[in-house]
């Protein structure tokens, strides 16, 4: 497959493009916490992923929302409440993450690492 340009960024293959959207340290764990129709607030996501900073969680949620994987719903109450859930695109990503998770567990076992 030839390289392609999307929004000013050059990609060399579809896997690179997909990993740009859901890869990195935090995007998959965020998506994973929202699987099975879960709707979580920022504080609940933060509690579920304790090593992530507030700033990084905010950045990653914004990117996931921009790419169409996460939906943000803001309630106009005092104090304001914001909830996050998966879109259809985000739900499709869970299948990929599940496969990668299983593959990672297999690799870890092969290398003597217990999860």
N, C-alpha and C. Protein backbone atom coordinates (compact mmCIF):
# COMPACT_ATOMS: atom_id res chain seq x y z
N UNK A 1 0.86 -1.18 0.00
CA UNK A 1 0.00 0.00 0.00
C UNK A 1 0.90 1.24 0.00
N UNK A 2 0.58 2.19 -0.82
CA UNK A 2 1.40 3.41 -0.86
C UNK A 2 1.16 4.28 0.37
N UNK A 3 2.10 5.16 0.63
CA UNK A 3 1.93 6.10 1.74
C UNK A 3 0.80 7.07 1.43
N UNK A 4 0.26 7.67 2.48
CA UNK A 4 -0.81 8.64 2.28
C UNK A 4 -0.71 9.75 3.31
N UNK A 5 -1.21 10.90 2.93
CA UNK A 5 -1.19 12.09 3.76
C UNK A 5 -2.60 12.33 4.28
N UNK A 6 -2.71 12.56 5.59
CA UNK A 6 -4.01 12.84 6.19
C UNK A 6 -3.84 13.98 7.19
N UNK A 7 -4.52 15.08 6.95
CA UNK A 7 -4.44 16.27 7.83
C UNK A 7 -2.99 16.67 8.10
N UNK A 8 -2.17 16.65 7.07
CA UNK A 8 -0.80 17.11 7.19
C UNK A 8 0.18 16.10 7.75
N UNK A 9 -0.26 14.89 8.06
CA UNK A 9 0.64 13.87 8.59
C UNK A 9 0.77 12.74 7.58
N UNK A 10 1.99 12.28 7.39
CA UNK A 10 2.29 11.21 6.45
C UNK A 10 2.22 9.86 7.15
N UNK A 11 1.47 8.95 6.58
CA UNK A 11 1.35 7.58 7.10
C UNK A 11 1.85 6.62 6.04
N UNK A 12 2.53 5.56 6.48
CA UNK A 12 3.10 4.60 5.55
C UNK A 12 2.27 3.32 5.42
N UNK A 13 1.34 3.10 6.36
CA UNK A 13 0.48 1.91 6.28
C UNK A 13 -0.73 2.07 7.20
N UNK A 14 -1.75 1.26 6.99
CA UNK A 14 -2.98 1.38 7.79
C UNK A 14 -2.78 1.08 9.28
N UNK A 15 -1.83 0.20 9.61
CA UNK A 15 -1.58 -0.12 11.01
C UNK A 15 -1.03 1.12 11.72
N UNK A 16 -0.12 1.82 11.07
CA UNK A 16 0.43 3.05 11.64
C UNK A 16 -0.70 4.06 11.88
N UNK A 17 -1.62 4.17 10.94
CA UNK A 17 -2.75 5.09 11.07
C UNK A 17 -3.62 4.70 12.28
N UNK A 18 -3.95 3.41 12.39
CA UNK A 18 -4.77 2.94 13.51
C UNK A 18 -4.07 3.17 14.84
N UNK A 19 -2.77 2.89 14.89
CA UNK A 19 -2.03 3.07 16.14
C UNK A 19 -1.92 4.55 16.51
N UNK A 20 -1.91 5.42 15.52
CA UNK A 20 -1.92 6.85 15.79
C UNK A 20 -3.22 7.24 16.50
N UNK A 21 -4.28 6.56 16.17
CA UNK A 21 -5.59 6.88 16.75
C UNK A 21 -5.80 6.25 18.12
N UNK A 22 -5.38 5.00 18.33
CA UNK A 22 -5.66 4.32 19.60
C UNK A 22 -4.41 3.86 20.33
N UNK A 23 -3.22 4.11 19.78
CA UNK A 23 -1.99 3.65 20.40
C UNK A 23 -1.50 4.57 21.50
N UNK A 24 -0.32 4.26 22.00
CA UNK A 24 0.26 5.03 23.09
C UNK A 24 -0.03 4.36 24.42
N UNK A 25 0.43 4.98 25.46
CA UNK A 25 0.31 4.39 26.80
C UNK A 25 -1.11 4.40 27.34
N UNK A 26 -1.90 5.43 27.01
CA UNK A 26 -3.15 5.64 27.75
C UNK A 26 -4.44 5.45 26.97
N UNK A 27 -4.42 5.57 25.66
CA UNK A 27 -5.69 5.54 24.92
C UNK A 27 -6.40 4.20 25.04
N UNK A 28 -5.68 3.11 24.88
CA UNK A 28 -6.33 1.80 25.00
C UNK A 28 -6.87 1.54 26.40
N UNK A 29 -6.10 1.86 27.47
CA UNK A 29 -6.68 1.68 28.80
C UNK A 29 -7.94 2.52 29.04
N UNK A 30 -7.98 3.71 28.48
CA UNK A 30 -9.18 4.54 28.61
C UNK A 30 -10.35 3.87 27.90
N UNK A 31 -10.13 3.49 26.65
CA UNK A 31 -11.19 2.82 25.90
C UNK A 31 -11.64 1.54 26.60
N UNK A 32 -10.70 0.78 27.13
CA UNK A 32 -11.01 -0.48 27.80
C UNK A 32 -11.92 -0.26 29.00
N UNK A 33 -11.67 0.83 29.76
CA UNK A 33 -12.50 1.11 30.94
C UNK A 33 -13.93 1.47 30.55
N UNK A 34 -14.13 1.92 29.31
CA UNK A 34 -15.47 2.33 28.87
C UNK A 34 -16.22 1.22 28.12
N UNK A 35 -15.61 0.04 28.01
CA UNK A 35 -16.24 -1.04 27.24
C UNK A 35 -17.52 -1.52 27.92
N UNK A 36 -18.27 -2.29 27.21
CA UNK A 36 -19.52 -2.88 27.71
C UNK A 36 -20.56 -1.83 28.09
N UNK A 37 -20.55 -0.71 27.37
CA UNK A 37 -21.57 0.30 27.58
C UNK A 37 -21.39 1.15 28.82
N UNK A 38 -20.23 1.09 29.44
CA UNK A 38 -20.01 1.89 30.64
C UNK A 38 -19.98 3.37 30.31
N UNK A 39 -20.51 4.15 31.22
CA UNK A 39 -20.47 5.60 31.15
C UNK A 39 -19.77 6.06 32.42
N UNK A 40 -18.63 6.72 32.24
CA UNK A 40 -17.83 7.12 33.41
C UNK A 40 -17.55 8.61 33.40
N UNK A 41 -17.45 9.16 34.60
CA UNK A 41 -17.04 10.54 34.77
C UNK A 41 -15.52 10.61 34.80
N UNK A 42 -14.98 11.81 34.64
CA UNK A 42 -13.53 12.01 34.63
C UNK A 42 -12.90 11.39 35.88
N UNK A 43 -13.48 11.69 37.04
CA UNK A 43 -12.92 11.19 38.31
C UNK A 43 -12.94 9.67 38.38
N UNK A 44 -13.96 9.05 37.79
CA UNK A 44 -14.03 7.58 37.79
C UNK A 44 -12.96 6.99 36.88
N UNK A 45 -12.72 7.62 35.73
CA UNK A 45 -11.65 7.17 34.85
C UNK A 45 -10.30 7.34 35.54
N UNK A 46 -10.12 8.46 36.21
CA UNK A 46 -8.86 8.73 36.91
C UNK A 46 -8.62 7.67 37.99
N UNK A 47 -9.66 7.33 38.71
CA UNK A 47 -9.53 6.31 39.75
C UNK A 47 -9.23 4.93 39.15
N UNK A 48 -9.80 4.65 37.98
CA UNK A 48 -9.60 3.36 37.33
C UNK A 48 -8.21 3.23 36.70
N UNK A 49 -7.57 4.38 36.40
CA UNK A 49 -6.23 4.39 35.80
C UNK A 49 -5.36 5.29 36.69
N UNK A 50 -4.96 4.80 37.85
CA UNK A 50 -4.32 5.66 38.85
C UNK A 50 -2.99 6.29 38.44
N UNK A 51 -2.26 5.71 37.52
CA UNK A 51 -0.95 6.26 37.14
C UNK A 51 -1.04 7.45 36.17
N UNK A 52 -2.20 7.68 35.57
CA UNK A 52 -2.34 8.76 34.60
C UNK A 52 -2.54 10.10 35.33
N UNK A 53 -1.91 11.15 34.81
CA UNK A 53 -2.10 12.47 35.40
C UNK A 53 -3.40 13.08 34.89
N UNK A 54 -3.91 14.07 35.59
CA UNK A 54 -5.12 14.77 35.15
C UNK A 54 -4.92 15.37 33.76
N UNK A 55 -3.76 16.00 33.56
CA UNK A 55 -3.48 16.64 32.28
C UNK A 55 -3.46 15.62 31.15
N UNK A 56 -2.82 14.47 31.37
CA UNK A 56 -2.74 13.46 30.33
C UNK A 56 -4.11 12.85 30.05
N UNK A 57 -4.89 12.60 31.09
CA UNK A 57 -6.23 12.06 30.89
C UNK A 57 -7.06 13.05 30.08
N UNK A 58 -6.98 14.32 30.40
CA UNK A 58 -7.71 15.34 29.64
C UNK A 58 -7.28 15.34 28.18
N UNK A 59 -5.97 15.33 27.94
CA UNK A 59 -5.44 15.33 26.57
C UNK A 59 -5.90 14.11 25.79
N UNK A 60 -5.80 12.94 26.39
CA UNK A 60 -6.15 11.70 25.70
C UNK A 60 -7.66 11.63 25.43
N UNK A 61 -8.47 12.06 26.38
CA UNK A 61 -9.92 12.08 26.17
C UNK A 61 -10.29 13.03 25.03
N UNK A 62 -9.65 14.17 24.98
CA UNK A 62 -9.92 15.12 23.89
C UNK A 62 -9.58 14.52 22.54
N UNK A 63 -8.41 13.84 22.45
CA UNK A 63 -8.02 13.20 21.19
C UNK A 63 -8.99 12.09 20.82
N UNK A 64 -9.35 11.26 21.78
CA UNK A 64 -10.28 10.17 21.50
C UNK A 64 -11.64 10.71 21.06
N UNK A 65 -12.04 11.83 21.63
CA UNK A 65 -13.29 12.47 21.21
C UNK A 65 -13.15 13.04 19.80
N UNK A 66 -12.04 13.71 19.55
CA UNK A 66 -11.79 14.29 18.23
C UNK A 66 -11.77 13.22 17.14
N UNK A 67 -11.20 12.07 17.44
CA UNK A 67 -11.11 10.97 16.46
C UNK A 67 -12.40 10.15 16.38
N UNK A 68 -13.37 10.45 17.22
CA UNK A 68 -14.66 9.77 17.13
C UNK A 68 -14.77 8.47 17.88
N UNK A 69 -13.90 8.22 18.87
CA UNK A 69 -13.94 6.98 19.64
C UNK A 69 -14.72 7.14 20.94
N UNK A 70 -14.75 8.36 21.46
CA UNK A 70 -15.39 8.64 22.74
C UNK A 70 -16.37 9.79 22.57
N UNK A 71 -17.46 9.67 23.28
CA UNK A 71 -18.47 10.73 23.29
C UNK A 71 -18.46 11.38 24.67
N UNK A 72 -18.51 12.69 24.68
CA UNK A 72 -18.53 13.44 25.95
C UNK A 72 -19.90 14.09 26.08
N UNK A 73 -20.51 13.91 27.24
CA UNK A 73 -21.80 14.52 27.51
C UNK A 73 -21.66 15.41 28.74
N UNK A 74 -21.96 16.69 28.55
CA UNK A 74 -21.84 17.66 29.64
C UNK A 74 -23.24 18.00 30.15
N UNK A 75 -23.41 17.93 31.46
CA UNK A 75 -24.68 18.27 32.09
C UNK A 75 -24.57 19.66 32.67
N UNK A 76 -25.51 20.52 32.33
CA UNK A 76 -25.50 21.91 32.78
C UNK A 76 -26.10 22.01 34.17
N UNK A 77 -25.35 21.50 35.14
CA UNK A 77 -25.76 21.57 36.54
C UNK A 77 -24.61 22.15 37.34
N UNK A 78 -24.85 22.45 38.59
CA UNK A 78 -23.80 22.97 39.46
C UNK A 78 -23.60 21.96 40.58
N UNK A 79 -22.39 21.44 40.76
CA UNK A 79 -21.24 21.62 39.88
C UNK A 79 -21.44 20.87 38.56
N UNK A 80 -20.76 21.31 37.50
CA UNK A 80 -20.93 20.66 36.20
C UNK A 80 -20.52 19.19 36.25
N UNK A 81 -21.20 18.40 35.46
CA UNK A 81 -20.89 16.97 35.41
C UNK A 81 -20.65 16.60 33.95
N UNK A 82 -19.59 15.84 33.70
CA UNK A 82 -19.25 15.38 32.36
C UNK A 82 -19.11 13.88 32.39
N UNK A 83 -19.74 13.22 31.43
CA UNK A 83 -19.67 11.76 31.33
C UNK A 83 -19.07 11.36 29.98
N UNK A 84 -18.35 10.27 29.99
CA UNK A 84 -17.70 9.76 28.78
C UNK A 84 -18.20 8.35 28.50
N UNK A 85 -18.40 8.08 27.21
CA UNK A 85 -18.83 6.74 26.78
C UNK A 85 -18.24 6.47 25.40
N UNK A 86 -18.28 5.21 24.99
CA UNK A 86 -17.78 4.84 23.68
C UNK A 86 -18.79 5.13 22.59
N UNK A 87 -18.30 5.52 21.44
CA UNK A 87 -19.13 5.63 20.24
C UNK A 87 -19.09 4.25 19.56
N UNK A 88 -19.77 4.11 18.44
CA UNK A 88 -19.70 2.86 17.68
C UNK A 88 -18.26 2.59 17.25
N UNK A 89 -17.56 3.63 16.83
CA UNK A 89 -16.15 3.48 16.43
C UNK A 89 -15.32 3.00 17.62
N UNK A 90 -15.56 3.56 18.78
CA UNK A 90 -14.84 3.14 19.98
C UNK A 90 -15.15 1.69 20.34
N UNK A 91 -16.40 1.30 20.17
CA UNK A 91 -16.78 -0.08 20.47
C UNK A 91 -16.07 -1.05 19.52
N UNK A 92 -15.92 -0.67 18.25
CA UNK A 92 -15.19 -1.52 17.30
C UNK A 92 -13.73 -1.65 17.69
N UNK A 93 -13.17 -0.60 18.27
CA UNK A 93 -11.77 -0.64 18.71
C UNK A 93 -11.56 -1.64 19.84
N UNK A 94 -12.58 -1.89 20.63
CA UNK A 94 -12.47 -2.85 21.74
C UNK A 94 -12.11 -4.23 21.21
N UNK A 95 -12.65 -4.61 20.07
CA UNK A 95 -12.32 -5.91 19.48
C UNK A 95 -10.82 -6.00 19.18
N UNK A 96 -10.25 -4.94 18.66
CA UNK A 96 -8.82 -4.89 18.35
C UNK A 96 -8.01 -4.95 19.65
N UNK A 97 -8.43 -4.18 20.63
CA UNK A 97 -7.71 -4.13 21.91
C UNK A 97 -7.76 -5.50 22.58
N UNK A 98 -8.90 -6.16 22.54
CA UNK A 98 -9.03 -7.51 23.14
C UNK A 98 -8.06 -8.47 22.47
N UNK A 99 -7.98 -8.42 21.16
CA UNK A 99 -7.05 -9.31 20.43
C UNK A 99 -5.61 -9.00 20.84
N UNK A 100 -5.25 -7.73 20.88
CA UNK A 100 -3.89 -7.34 21.26
C UNK A 100 -3.59 -7.72 22.71
N UNK A 101 -4.58 -7.60 23.57
CA UNK A 101 -4.42 -7.97 24.97
C UNK A 101 -4.11 -9.46 25.10
N UNK A 102 -4.90 -10.28 24.41
CA UNK A 102 -4.67 -11.72 24.45
C UNK A 102 -3.30 -12.08 23.89
N UNK A 103 -2.93 -11.44 22.80
CA UNK A 103 -1.62 -11.68 22.19
C UNK A 103 -0.50 -11.26 23.15
N UNK A 104 -0.68 -10.13 23.80
CA UNK A 104 0.30 -9.67 24.78
C UNK A 104 0.45 -10.64 25.94
N UNK A 105 -0.68 -11.19 26.42
CA UNK A 105 -0.63 -12.18 27.50
C UNK A 105 0.13 -13.43 27.05
N UNK A 106 -0.12 -13.87 25.81
CA UNK A 106 0.61 -15.02 25.27
C UNK A 106 2.10 -14.75 25.23
N UNK A 107 2.49 -13.59 24.71
CA UNK A 107 3.90 -13.23 24.64
C UNK A 107 4.53 -13.17 26.02
N UNK A 108 3.80 -12.61 26.98
CA UNK A 108 4.32 -12.54 28.34
C UNK A 108 4.56 -13.93 28.93
N UNK A 109 3.61 -14.85 28.72
CA UNK A 109 3.78 -16.22 29.21
C UNK A 109 4.98 -16.88 28.54
N UNK A 110 5.11 -16.68 27.23
CA UNK A 110 6.24 -17.26 26.49
C UNK A 110 7.57 -16.76 27.03
N UNK A 111 7.59 -15.53 27.53
CA UNK A 111 8.83 -14.95 28.04
C UNK A 111 8.95 -15.05 29.56
N UNK A 112 8.06 -15.84 30.16
CA UNK A 112 8.15 -16.09 31.59
C UNK A 112 7.65 -14.98 32.48
N UNK A 113 6.83 -14.11 31.93
CA UNK A 113 6.27 -12.99 32.71
C UNK A 113 4.84 -13.37 33.07
N UNK A 114 4.55 -13.38 34.35
CA UNK A 114 3.19 -13.68 34.80
C UNK A 114 2.41 -12.39 34.99
N UNK A 115 1.18 -12.37 34.51
CA UNK A 115 0.37 -11.15 34.65
C UNK A 115 -0.38 -11.15 35.96
